[in-house]
PDB file of N, CA and C in Angstrom:
ATOM      1  N   MET A   1     -11.156 -29.428 -35.464  1.00  0.00           N
ATOM      2  CA  MET A   1     -10.700 -28.125 -35.901  1.00  0.00           C
ATOM      3  C   MET A   1     -11.105 -27.929 -37.359  1.00  0.00           C
ATOM      4  N   LEU A   2     -11.597 -26.750 -37.669  1.00  0.00           N
ATOM      5  CA  LEU A   2     -11.994 -26.376 -39.023  1.00  0.00           C
ATOM      6  C   LEU A   2     -10.731 -26.177 -39.860  1.00  0.00           C
ATOM      7  N   ASN A   3     -10.536 -27.027 -40.865  1.00  0.00           N
ATOM      8  CA  ASN A   3      -9.339 -26.887 -41.688  1.00  0.00           C
ATOM      9  C   ASN A   3      -9.538 -27.470 -43.083  1.00  0.00           C
ATOM     10  N   PRO A   4     -10.231 -26.724 -43.963  1.00  0.00           N
ATOM     11  CA  PRO A   4     -10.346 -27.202 -45.332  1.00  0.00           C
ATOM     12  C   PRO A   4      -8.966 -27.235 -45.982  1.00  0.00           C
ATOM     13  N   MET A   5      -8.755 -28.198 -46.843  1.00  0.00           N
ATOM     14  CA  MET A   5      -7.480 -28.334 -47.541  1.00  0.00           C
ATOM     15  C   MET A   5      -7.697 -28.032 -49.019  1.00  0.00           C
ATOM     16  N   PRO A   6      -6.737 -27.355 -49.668  1.00  0.00           N
ATOM     17  CA  PRO A   6      -6.897 -27.087 -51.093  1.00  0.00           C
ATOM     18  C   PRO A   6      -6.965 -28.399 -51.873  1.00  0.00           C
ATOM     19  N   ALA A   7      -7.775 -28.421 -52.903  1.00  0.00           N
ATOM     20  CA  ALA A   7      -7.917 -29.605 -53.746  1.00  0.00           C
ATOM     21  C   ALA A   7      -7.520 -29.251 -55.175  1.00  0.00           C
ATOM     22  N   GLN A   8      -6.942 -30.198 -55.855  1.00  0.00           N
ATOM     23  CA  GLN A   8      -6.576 -30.016 -57.251  1.00  0.00           C
ATOM     24  C   GLN A   8      -7.841 -30.054 -58.113  1.00  0.00           C
ATOM     25  N   ALA A   9      -7.740 -29.540 -59.319  1.00  0.00           N
ATOM     26  CA  ALA A   9      -8.867 -29.603 -60.250  1.00  0.00           C
ATOM     27  C   ALA A   9      -9.196 -31.070 -60.519  1.00  0.00           C
ATOM     28  N   VAL A  10     -10.479 -31.377 -60.559  1.00  0.00           N
ATOM     29  CA  VAL A  10     -10.928 -32.751 -60.782  1.00  0.00           C
ATOM     30  C   VAL A  10     -11.934 -32.779 -61.922  1.00  0.00           C
ATOM     31  N   ASN A  11     -12.135 -33.958 -62.478  1.00  0.00           N
ATOM     32  CA  ASN A  11     -13.120 -34.129 -63.546  1.00  0.00           C
ATOM     33  C   ASN A  11     -14.517 -34.377 -63.004  1.00  0.00           C
ATOM     34  N   ARG A  12     -14.597 -34.974 -61.819  1.00  0.00           N
ATOM     35  CA  ARG A  12     -15.893 -35.273 -61.203  1.00  0.00           C
ATOM     36  C   ARG A  12     -15.863 -34.820 -59.752  1.00  0.00           C
ATOM     37  N   PRO A  13     -16.937 -34.191 -59.278  1.00  0.00           N
ATOM     38  CA  PRO A  13     -16.977 -33.766 -57.873  1.00  0.00           C
ATOM     39  C   PRO A  13     -16.768 -34.917 -56.892  1.00  0.00           C
ATOM     40  N   SER A  14     -17.125 -36.130 -57.285  1.00  0.00           N
ATOM     41  CA  SER A  14     -16.980 -37.270 -56.382  1.00  0.00           C
ATOM     42  C   SER A  14     -15.519 -37.614 -56.096  1.00  0.00           C
ATOM     43  N   GLU A  15     -14.584 -37.020 -56.843  1.00  0.00           N
ATOM     44  CA  GLU A  15     -13.166 -37.284 -56.633  1.00  0.00           C
ATOM     45  C   GLU A  15     -12.610 -36.527 -55.427  1.00  0.00           C
ATOM     46  N   VAL A  16     -13.387 -35.597 -54.864  1.00  0.00           N
ATOM     47  CA  VAL A  16     -12.954 -34.801 -53.712  1.00  0.00           C
ATOM     48  C   VAL A  16     -13.944 -35.024 -52.579  1.00  0.00           C
ATOM     49  N   GLU A  17     -13.424 -35.254 -51.373  1.00  0.00           N
ATOM     50  CA  GLU A  17     -14.304 -35.458 -50.219  1.00  0.00           C
ATOM     51  C   GLU A  17     -14.814 -34.115 -49.714  1.00  0.00           C
ATOM     52  N   ARG A  18     -16.130 -33.941 -49.799  1.00  0.00           N
ATOM     53  CA  ARG A  18     -16.767 -32.738 -49.263  1.00  0.00           C
ATOM     54  C   ARG A  18     -17.979 -33.160 -48.445  1.00  0.00           C
ATOM     55  N   ARG A  19     -18.171 -32.478 -47.353  1.00  0.00           N
ATOM     56  CA  ARG A  19     -19.309 -32.758 -46.468  1.00  0.00           C
ATOM     57  C   ARG A  19     -20.262 -31.574 -46.551  1.00  0.00           C
ATOM     58  N   VAL A  20     -21.040 -31.541 -47.624  1.00  0.00           N
ATOM     59  CA  VAL A  20     -21.891 -30.380 -47.907  1.00  0.00           C
ATOM     60  C   VAL A  20     -23.018 -30.192 -46.900  1.00  0.00           C
ATOM     61  N   LEU A  21     -23.336 -31.193 -46.131  1.00  0.00           N
ATOM     62  CA  LEU A  21     -24.383 -31.053 -45.118  1.00  0.00           C
ATOM     63  C   LEU A  21     -23.816 -30.627 -43.771  1.00  0.00           C
ATOM     64  N   CYS A  22     -22.621 -30.076 -43.772  1.00  0.00           N
ATOM     65  CA  CYS A  22     -21.975 -29.616 -42.538  1.00  0.00           C
ATOM     66  C   CYS A  22     -22.390 -28.174 -42.237  1.00  0.00           C
ATOM     67  N   SER A  23     -22.597 -27.878 -40.979  1.00  0.00           N
ATOM     68  CA  SER A  23     -22.995 -26.521 -40.591  1.00  0.00           C
ATOM     69  C   SER A  23     -21.867 -25.509 -40.812  1.00  0.00           C
ATOM     70  N   ARG A  24     -20.646 -25.957 -40.976  1.00  0.00           N
ATOM     71  CA  ARG A  24     -19.495 -25.070 -41.171  1.00  0.00           C
ATOM     72  C   ARG A  24     -19.089 -24.954 -42.642  1.00  0.00           C
ATOM     73  N   TYR A  25     -19.830 -25.607 -43.530  1.00  0.00           N
ATOM     74  CA  TYR A  25     -19.452 -25.657 -44.949  1.00  0.00           C
ATOM     75  C   TYR A  25     -19.304 -24.264 -45.560  1.00  0.00           C
ATOM     76  N   SER A  26     -20.197 -23.347 -45.248  1.00  0.00           N
ATOM     77  CA  SER A  26     -20.098 -21.999 -45.816  1.00  0.00           C
ATOM     78  C   SER A  26     -18.840 -21.287 -45.327  1.00  0.00           C
ATOM     79  N   GLU A  27     -18.408 -21.564 -44.099  1.00  0.00           N
ATOM     80  CA  GLU A  27     -17.157 -20.982 -43.600  1.00  0.00           C
ATOM     81  C   GLU A  27     -15.970 -21.503 -44.419  1.00  0.00           C
ATOM     82  N   CYS A  28     -16.001 -22.780 -44.746  1.00  0.00           N
ATOM     83  CA  CYS A  28     -14.925 -23.365 -45.554  1.00  0.00           C
ATOM     84  C   CYS A  28     -14.934 -22.783 -46.966  1.00  0.00           C
ATOM     85  N   LEU A  29     -16.124 -22.553 -47.518  1.00  0.00           N
ATOM     86  CA  LEU A  29     -16.207 -21.905 -48.833  1.00  0.00           C
ATOM     87  C   LEU A  29     -15.592 -20.513 -48.787  1.00  0.00           C
ATOM     88  N   GLU A  30     -15.869 -19.784 -47.719  1.00  0.00           N
ATOM     89  CA  GLU A  30     -15.291 -18.443 -47.565  1.00  0.00           C
ATOM     90  C   GLU A  30     -13.765 -18.504 -47.511  1.00  0.00           C
ATOM     91  N   ILE A  31     -13.229 -19.468 -46.781  1.00  0.00           N
ATOM     92  CA  ILE A  31     -11.772 -19.638 -46.710  1.00  0.00           C
ATOM     93  C   ILE A  31     -11.220 -19.935 -48.102  1.00  0.00           C
ATOM     94  N   CYS A  32     -11.882 -20.852 -48.782  1.00  0.00           N
ATOM     95  CA  CYS A  32     -11.462 -21.233 -50.135  1.00  0.00           C
ATOM     96  C   CYS A  32     -11.465 -20.032 -51.074  1.00  0.00           C
ATOM     97  N   LEU A  33     -12.516 -19.240 -51.023  1.00  0.00           N
ATOM     98  CA  LEU A  33     -12.604 -18.058 -51.890  1.00  0.00           C
ATOM     99  C   LEU A  33     -11.556 -17.019 -51.526  1.00  0.00           C
ATOM    100  N   SER A  34     -11.353 -16.783 -50.242  1.00  0.00           N
ATOM    101  CA  SER A  34     -10.388 -15.763 -49.829  1.00  0.00           C
ATOM    102  C   SER A  34      -8.960 -16.148 -50.189  1.00  0.00           C
ATOM    103  N   LYS A  35      -8.689 -17.441 -50.248  1.00  0.00           N
ATOM    104  CA  LYS A  35      -7.345 -17.901 -50.607  1.00  0.00           C
ATOM    105  C   LYS A  35      -7.214 -18.207 -52.101  1.00  0.00           C
ATOM    106  N   ARG A  36      -8.321 -17.997 -52.835  1.00  0.00           N
ATOM    107  CA  ARG A  36      -8.356 -18.208 -54.291  1.00  0.00           C
ATOM    108  C   ARG A  36      -8.020 -19.641 -54.700  1.00  0.00           C
ATOM    109  N   TRP A  37      -8.484 -20.585 -53.898  1.00  0.00           N
ATOM    110  CA  TRP A  37      -8.310 -21.990 -54.250  1.00  0.00           C
ATOM    111  C   TRP A  37      -9.320 -22.345 -55.320  1.00  0.00           C
ATOM    112  N   GLN A  38      -9.001 -23.310 -56.161  1.00  0.00           N
ATOM    113  CA  GLN A  38      -9.963 -23.778 -57.158  1.00  0.00           C
ATOM    114  C   GLN A  38     -10.946 -24.770 -56.554  1.00  0.00           C
ATOM    115  N   GLY A  39     -10.624 -25.299 -55.411  1.00  0.00           N
ATOM    116  CA  GLY A  39     -11.505 -26.236 -54.734  1.00  0.00           C
ATOM    117  C   GLY A  39     -10.925 -26.579 -53.374  1.00  0.00           C
ATOM    118  N   PHE A  40     -11.676 -27.345 -52.588  1.00  0.00           N
ATOM    119  CA  PHE A  40     -11.170 -27.760 -51.286  1.00  0.00           C
ATOM    120  C   PHE A  40     -11.712 -29.130 -50.934  1.00  0.00           C
ATOM    121  N   SER A  41     -11.081 -29.741 -49.960  1.00  0.00           N
ATOM    122  CA  SER A  41     -11.463 -31.060 -49.493  1.00  0.00           C
ATOM    123  C   SER A  41     -11.731 -30.991 -47.992  1.00  0.00           C
ATOM    124  N   CYS A  42     -12.661 -31.797 -47.535  1.00  0.00           N
ATOM    125  CA  CYS A  42     -12.992 -31.882 -46.116  1.00  0.00           C
ATOM    126  C   CYS A  42     -12.298 -33.087 -45.454  1.00  0.00           C
ATOM    127  N   SER A  43     -11.382 -33.715 -46.164  1.00  0.00           N
ATOM    128  CA  SER A  43     -10.796 -34.972 -45.687  1.00  0.00           C
ATOM    129  C   SER A  43     -10.047 -34.850 -44.360  1.00  0.00           C
ATOM    130  N   GLU A  44      -9.492 -33.693 -44.044  1.00  0.00           N
ATOM    131  CA  GLU A  44      -8.724 -33.514 -42.809  1.00  0.00           C
ATOM    132  C   GLU A  44      -9.545 -32.906 -41.673  1.00  0.00           C
ATOM    133  N   CYS A  45     -10.784 -32.549 -41.939  1.00  0.00           N
ATOM    134  CA  CYS A  45     -11.582 -31.808 -40.962  1.00  0.00           C
ATOM    135  C   CYS A  45     -12.044 -32.687 -39.806  1.00  0.00           C
ATOM    136  N   GLN A  46     -11.930 -32.124 -38.602  1.00  0.00           N
ATOM    137  CA  GLN A  46     -12.395 -32.792 -37.389  1.00  0.00           C
ATOM    138  C   GLN A  46     -13.617 -32.077 -36.803  1.00  0.00           C
ATOM    139  N   ASP A  47     -14.172 -31.109 -37.537  1.00  0.00           N
ATOM    140  CA  ASP A  47     -15.212 -30.231 -37.006  1.00  0.00           C
ATOM    141  C   ASP A  47     -16.576 -30.440 -37.667  1.00  0.00           C
ATOM    142  N   PHE A  48     -16.813 -31.607 -38.268  1.00  0.00           N
ATOM    143  CA  PHE A  48     -18.060 -31.870 -38.975  1.00  0.00           C
ATOM    144  C   PHE A  48     -19.246 -31.841 -38.020  1.00  0.00           C
ATOM    145  N   GLU A  49     -20.285 -31.104 -38.407  1.00  0.00           N
ATOM    146  CA  GLU A  49     -21.512 -31.010 -37.633  1.00  0.00           C
ATOM    147  C   GLU A  49     -22.668 -30.954 -38.621  1.00  0.00           C
ATOM    148  N   VAL A  50     -23.597 -31.904 -38.538  1.00  0.00           N
ATOM    149  CA  VAL A  50     -24.686 -31.999 -39.509  1.00  0.00           C
ATOM    150  C   VAL A  50     -25.565 -30.755 -39.460  1.00  0.00           C
ATOM    151  N   GLU A  51     -25.853 -30.220 -40.635  1.00  0.00           N
ATOM    152  CA  GLU A  51     -26.709 -29.038 -40.769  1.00  0.00           C
ATOM    153  C   GLU A  51     -28.158 -29.470 -40.912  1.00  0.00           C
ATOM    154  N   CYS A  52     -29.047 -28.724 -40.317  1.00  0.00           N
ATOM    155  CA  CYS A  52     -30.478 -28.981 -40.447  1.00  0.00           C
ATOM    156  C   CYS A  52     -30.905 -28.648 -41.876  1.00  0.00           C
ATOM    157  N   PRO A  53     -31.378 -29.619 -42.663  1.00  0.00           N
ATOM    158  CA  PRO A  53     -31.689 -29.361 -44.074  1.00  0.00           C
ATOM    159  C   PRO A  53     -32.900 -28.477 -44.329  1.00  0.00           C
ATOM    160  N   ASP A  54     -33.697 -28.117 -43.329  1.00  0.00           N
ATOM    161  CA  ASP A  54     -34.864 -27.277 -43.596  1.00  0.00           C
ATOM    162  C   ASP A  54     -34.598 -25.792 -43.306  1.00  0.00           C
ATOM    163  N   ASP A  55     -33.354 -25.420 -43.096  1.00  0.00           N
ATOM    164  CA  ASP A  55     -32.977 -24.025 -42.864  1.00  0.00           C
ATOM    165  C   ASP A  55     -32.776 -23.345 -44.220  1.00  0.00           C
ATOM    166  N   THR A  56     -33.838 -22.746 -44.772  1.00  0.00           N
ATOM    167  CA  THR A  56     -33.786 -22.208 -46.144  1.00  0.00           C
ATOM    168  C   THR A  56     -32.831 -21.029 -46.285  1.00  0.00           C
ATOM    169  N   ALA A  57     -32.697 -20.199 -45.274  1.00  0.00           N
ATOM    170  CA  ALA A  57     -31.763 -19.070 -45.373  1.00  0.00           C
ATOM    171  C   ALA A  57     -30.325 -19.575 -45.509  1.00  0.00           C
ATOM    172  N   HIS A  58     -30.004 -20.614 -44.767  1.00  0.00           N
ATOM    173  CA  HIS A  58     -28.660 -21.189 -44.853  1.00  0.00           C
ATOM    174  C   HIS A  58     -28.398 -21.745 -46.249  1.00  0.00           C
ATOM    175  N   TRP A  59     -29.378 -22.485 -46.796  1.00  0.00           N
ATOM    176  CA  TRP A  59     -29.177 -23.098 -48.118  1.00  0.00           C
ATOM    177  C   TRP A  59     -29.116 -22.049 -49.208  1.00  0.00           C
ATOM    178  N   ALA A  60     -29.815 -20.938 -49.053  1.00  0.00           N
ATOM    179  CA  ALA A  60     -29.705 -19.846 -50.028  1.00  0.00           C
ATOM    180  C   ALA A  60     -28.290 -19.273 -50.006  1.00  0.00           C
ATOM    181  N   GLU A  61     -27.728 -19.110 -48.812  1.00  0.00           N
ATOM    182  CA  GLU A  61     -26.345 -18.631 -48.676  1.00  0.00           C
ATOM    183  C   GLU A  61     -25.364 -19.645 -49.271  1.00  0.00           C
ATOM    184  N   GLN A  62     -25.590 -20.924 -49.016  1.00  0.00           N
ATOM    185  CA  GLN A  62     -24.733 -21.970 -49.576  1.00  0.00           C
ATOM    186  C   GLN A  62     -24.760 -21.921 -51.106  1.00  0.00           C
ATOM    187  N   SER A  63     -25.928 -21.735 -51.657  1.00  0.00           N
ATOM    188  CA  SER A  63     -26.070 -21.671 -53.113  1.00  0.00           C
ATOM    189  C   SER A  63     -25.279 -20.507 -53.690  1.00  0.00           C
ATOM    190  N   LYS A  64     -25.397 -19.348 -53.063  1.00  0.00           N
ATOM    191  CA  LYS A  64     -24.664 -18.166 -53.515  1.00  0.00           C
ATOM    192  C   LYS A  64     -23.152 -18.407 -53.444  1.00  0.00           C
ATOM    193  N   ASN A  65     -22.679 -18.919 -52.319  1.00  0.00           N
ATOM    194  CA  ASN A  65     -21.251 -19.174 -52.159  1.00  0.00           C
ATOM    195  C   ASN A  65     -20.746 -20.215 -53.146  1.00  0.00           C
ATOM    196  N   SER A  66     -21.533 -21.250 -53.367  1.00  0.00           N
ATOM    197  CA  SER A  66     -21.126 -22.284 -54.321  1.00  0.00           C
ATOM    198  C   SER A  66     -21.005 -21.714 -55.725  1.00  0.00           C
ATOM    199  N   GLY A  67     -21.929 -20.828 -56.081  1.00  0.00           N
ATOM    200  CA  GLY A  67     -21.864 -20.190 -57.402  1.00  0.00           C
ATOM    201  C   GLY A  67     -20.595 -19.381 -57.576  1.00  0.00           C
ATOM    202  N   TRP A  68     -20.230 -18.612 -56.534  1.00  0.00           N
ATOM    203  CA  TRP A  68     -18.989 -17.833 -56.608  1.00  0.00           C
ATOM    204  C   TRP A  68     -17.774 -18.735 -56.693  1.00  0.00           C
ATOM    205  N   LEU A  69     -17.799 -19.833 -55.955  1.00  0.00           N
ATOM    206  CA  LEU A  69     -16.688 -20.773 -55.987  1.00  0.00           C
ATOM    207  C   LEU A  69     -16.519 -21.363 -57.383  1.00  0.00           C
ATOM    208  N   LEU A  70     -17.623 -21.769 -57.980  1.00  0.00           N
ATOM    209  CA  LEU A  70     -17.552 -22.327 -59.332  1.00  0.00           C
ATOM    210  C   LEU A  70     -17.041 -21.305 -60.339  1.00  0.00           C
ATOM    211  N   MET A  71     -17.531 -20.066 -60.244  1.00  0.00           N
ATOM    212  CA  MET A  71     -17.076 -19.041 -61.193  1.00  0.00           C
ATOM    213  C   MET A  71     -15.603 -18.716 -60.980  1.00  0.00           C
ATOM    214  N   SER A  72     -15.131 -18.736 -59.732  1.00  0.00           N
ATOM    215  CA  SER A  72     -13.714 -18.459 -59.494  1.00  0.00           C
ATOM    216  C   SER A  72     -12.834 -19.562 -60.067  1.00  0.00           C
ATOM    217  N   ALA A  73     -13.388 -20.761 -60.213  1.00  0.00           N
ATOM    218  CA  ALA A  73     -12.644 -21.878 -60.797  1.00  0.00           C
ATOM    219  C   ALA A  73     -12.799 -21.936 -62.314  1.00  0.00           C
ATOM    220  N   GLY A  74     -13.505 -20.971 -62.890  1.00  0.00           N
ATOM    221  CA  GLY A  74     -13.630 -20.923 -64.347  1.00  0.00           C
ATOM    222  C   GLY A  74     -14.922 -21.481 -64.908  1.00  0.00           C
ATOM    223  N   TYR A  75     -15.818 -21.941 -64.035  1.00  0.00           N
ATOM    224  CA  TYR A  75     -17.106 -22.442 -64.507  1.00  0.00           C
ATOM    225  C   TYR A  75     -18.102 -21.288 -64.527  1.00  0.00           C
ATOM    226  N   LEU A  76     -18.779 -21.112 -65.634  1.00  0.00           N
ATOM    227  CA  LEU A  76     -19.763 -20.042 -65.745  1.00  0.00           C
ATOM    228  C   LEU A  76     -21.152 -20.636 -65.948  1.00  0.00           C
ATOM    229  N   PRO A  77     -22.168 -20.023 -65.344  1.00  0.00           N
ATOM    230  CA  PRO A  77     -23.534 -20.468 -65.636  1.00  0.00           C
ATOM    231  C   PRO A  77     -23.798 -20.351 -67.136  1.00  0.00           C
ATOM    232  N   ARG A  78     -24.608 -21.228 -67.639  1.00  0.00           N
ATOM    233  CA  ARG A  78     -24.871 -21.276 -69.080  1.00  0.00           C
ATOM    234  C   ARG A  78     -25.318 -19.929 -69.634  1.00  0.00           C
ATOM    235  N   TRP A  79     -26.192 -19.207 -68.904  1.00  0.00           N
ATOM    236  CA  TRP A  79     -26.702 -17.936 -69.429  1.00  0.00           C
ATOM    237  C   TRP A  79     -25.590 -16.894 -69.536  1.00  0.00           C
ATOM    238  N   ILE A  80     -24.610 -16.926 -68.641  1.00  0.00           N
ATOM    239  CA  ILE A  80     -23.485 -15.988 -68.746  1.00  0.00           C
ATOM    240  C   ILE A  80     -22.574 -16.401 -69.891  1.00  0.00           C
ATOM    241  N   ALA A  81     -22.275 -17.681 -69.992  1.00  0.00           N
ATOM    242  CA  ALA A  81     -21.406 -18.164 -71.068  1.00  0.00           C
ATOM    243  C   ALA A  81     -22.009 -17.841 -72.438  1.00  0.00           C
ATOM    244  N   GLU A  82     -23.318 -17.996 -72.584  1.00  0.00           N
ATOM    245  CA  GLU A  82     -23.971 -17.678 -73.860  1.00  0.00           C
ATOM    246  C   GLU A  82     -23.898 -16.183 -74.152  1.00  0.00           C
ATOM    247  N   ARG A  83     -24.071 -15.379 -73.134  1.00  0.00           N
ATOM    248  CA  ARG A  83     -23.995 -13.926 -73.326  1.00  0.00           C
ATOM    249  C   ARG A  83     -22.579 -13.518 -73.750  1.00  0.00           C
ATOM    250  N   VAL A  84     -21.559 -14.139 -73.153  1.00  0.00           N
ATOM    251  CA  VAL A  84     -20.174 -13.841 -73.522  1.00  0.00           C
ATOM    252  C   VAL A  84     -19.918 -14.264 -74.966  1.00  0.00           C
ATOM    253  N   ARG A  85     -20.408 -15.439 -75.352  1.00  0.00           N
ATOM    254  CA  ARG A  85     -20.232 -15.919 -76.735  1.00  0.00           C
ATOM    255  C   ARG A  85     -20.914 -15.000 -77.736  1.00  0.00           C
ATOM    256  N   ASN A  86     -22.048 -14.439 -77.344  1.00  0.00           N
ATOM    257  CA  ASN A  86     -22.846 -13.610 -78.255  1.00  0.00           C
ATOM    258  C   ASN A  86     -22.684 -12.124 -77.962  1.00  0.00           C
ATOM    259  N   ARG A  87     -21.546 -11.720 -77.447  1.00  0.00           N
ATOM    260  CA  ARG A  87     -21.401 -10.331 -77.007  1.00  0.00           C
ATOM    261  C   ARG A  87     -21.477  -9.324 -78.136  1.00  0.00           C
ATOM    262  N   ASN A  88     -21.336  -9.742 -79.383  1.00  0.00           N
ATOM    263  CA  ASN A  88     -21.466  -8.818 -80.502  1.00  0.00           C
ATOM    264  C   ASN A  88     -22.923  -8.558 -80.868  1.00  0.00           C
ATOM    265  N   GLU A  89     -23.818  -9.380 -80.318  1.00  0.00           N
ATOM    266  CA  GLU A  89     -25.239  -9.180 -80.585  1.00  0.00           C
ATOM    267  C   GLU A  89     -25.765  -8.076 -79.669  1.00  0.00           C
ATOM    268  N   PRO A  90     -26.788  -7.326 -80.120  1.00  0.00           N
ATOM    269  CA  PRO A  90     -27.334  -6.249 -79.281  1.00  0.00           C
ATOM    270  C   PRO A  90     -27.962  -6.815 -78.001  1.00  0.00           C
ATOM    271  N   GLU A  91     -27.864  -6.055 -76.935  1.00  0.00           N
ATOM    272  CA  GLU A  91     -28.451  -6.452 -75.659  1.00  0.00           C
ATOM    273  C   GLU A  91     -29.976  -6.393 -75.745  1.00  0.00           C
ATOM    274  N   ASP A  92     -30.650  -7.233 -74.998  1.00  0.00           N
ATOM    275  CA  ASP A  92     -32.104  -7.265 -75.019  1.00  0.00           C
ATOM    276  C   ASP A  92     -32.713  -6.589 -73.790  1.00  0.00           C
ATOM    277  N   PHE A  93     -31.947  -5.753 -73.117  1.00  0.00           N
ATOM    278  CA  PHE A  93     -32.486  -5.008 -71.991  1.00  0.00           C
ATOM    279  C   PHE A  93     -31.916  -3.601 -72.014  1.00  0.00           C
ATOM    280  N   PHE A  94     -32.602  -2.689 -71.333  1.00  0.00           N
ATOM    281  CA  PHE A  94     -32.212  -1.291 -71.334  1.00  0.00           C
ATOM    282  C   PHE A  94     -32.231  -0.764 -69.904  1.00  0.00           C
ATOM    283  N   CYS A  95     -31.422   0.209 -69.643  1.00  0.00           N
ATOM    284  CA  CYS A  95     -31.430   0.889 -68.345  1.00  0.00           C
ATOM    285  C   CYS A  95     -32.156   2.208 -68.506  1.00  0.00           C
ATOM    286  N   ASP A  96     -33.029   2.524 -67.572  1.00  0.00           N
ATOM    287  CA  ASP A  96     -33.710   3.817 -67.606  1.00  0.00           C
ATOM    288  C   ASP A  96     -32.718   4.913 -67.231  1.00  0.00           C
ATOM    289  N   SER A  97     -32.816   6.046 -67.891  1.00  0.00           N
ATOM    290  CA  SER A  97     -31.904   7.138 -67.530  1.00  0.00           C
ATOM    291  C   SER A  97     -32.611   8.197 -66.733  1.00  0.00           C
TER     292      SER A  97
END
């Protein structure tokens, strides 16, 4: 049965059991995001199924979901964090009107 469990904040990803090569991993990420968890563990899951690693569309979706999960937990990509730190500086792009 698919049942991700909420995980406490950790210092290292290795402190939480995750099966990232599972075909259901993106579903668990969606559950985690919808419930606003900071993380989740696969330790209780009985539904593990190995994902084919050459499915590029799947991995692109996984990447997107992982990014949202990290940002919801307070982690920002370096380019966003730098832009926030330098928000008083003029922007280097323009929108056409």
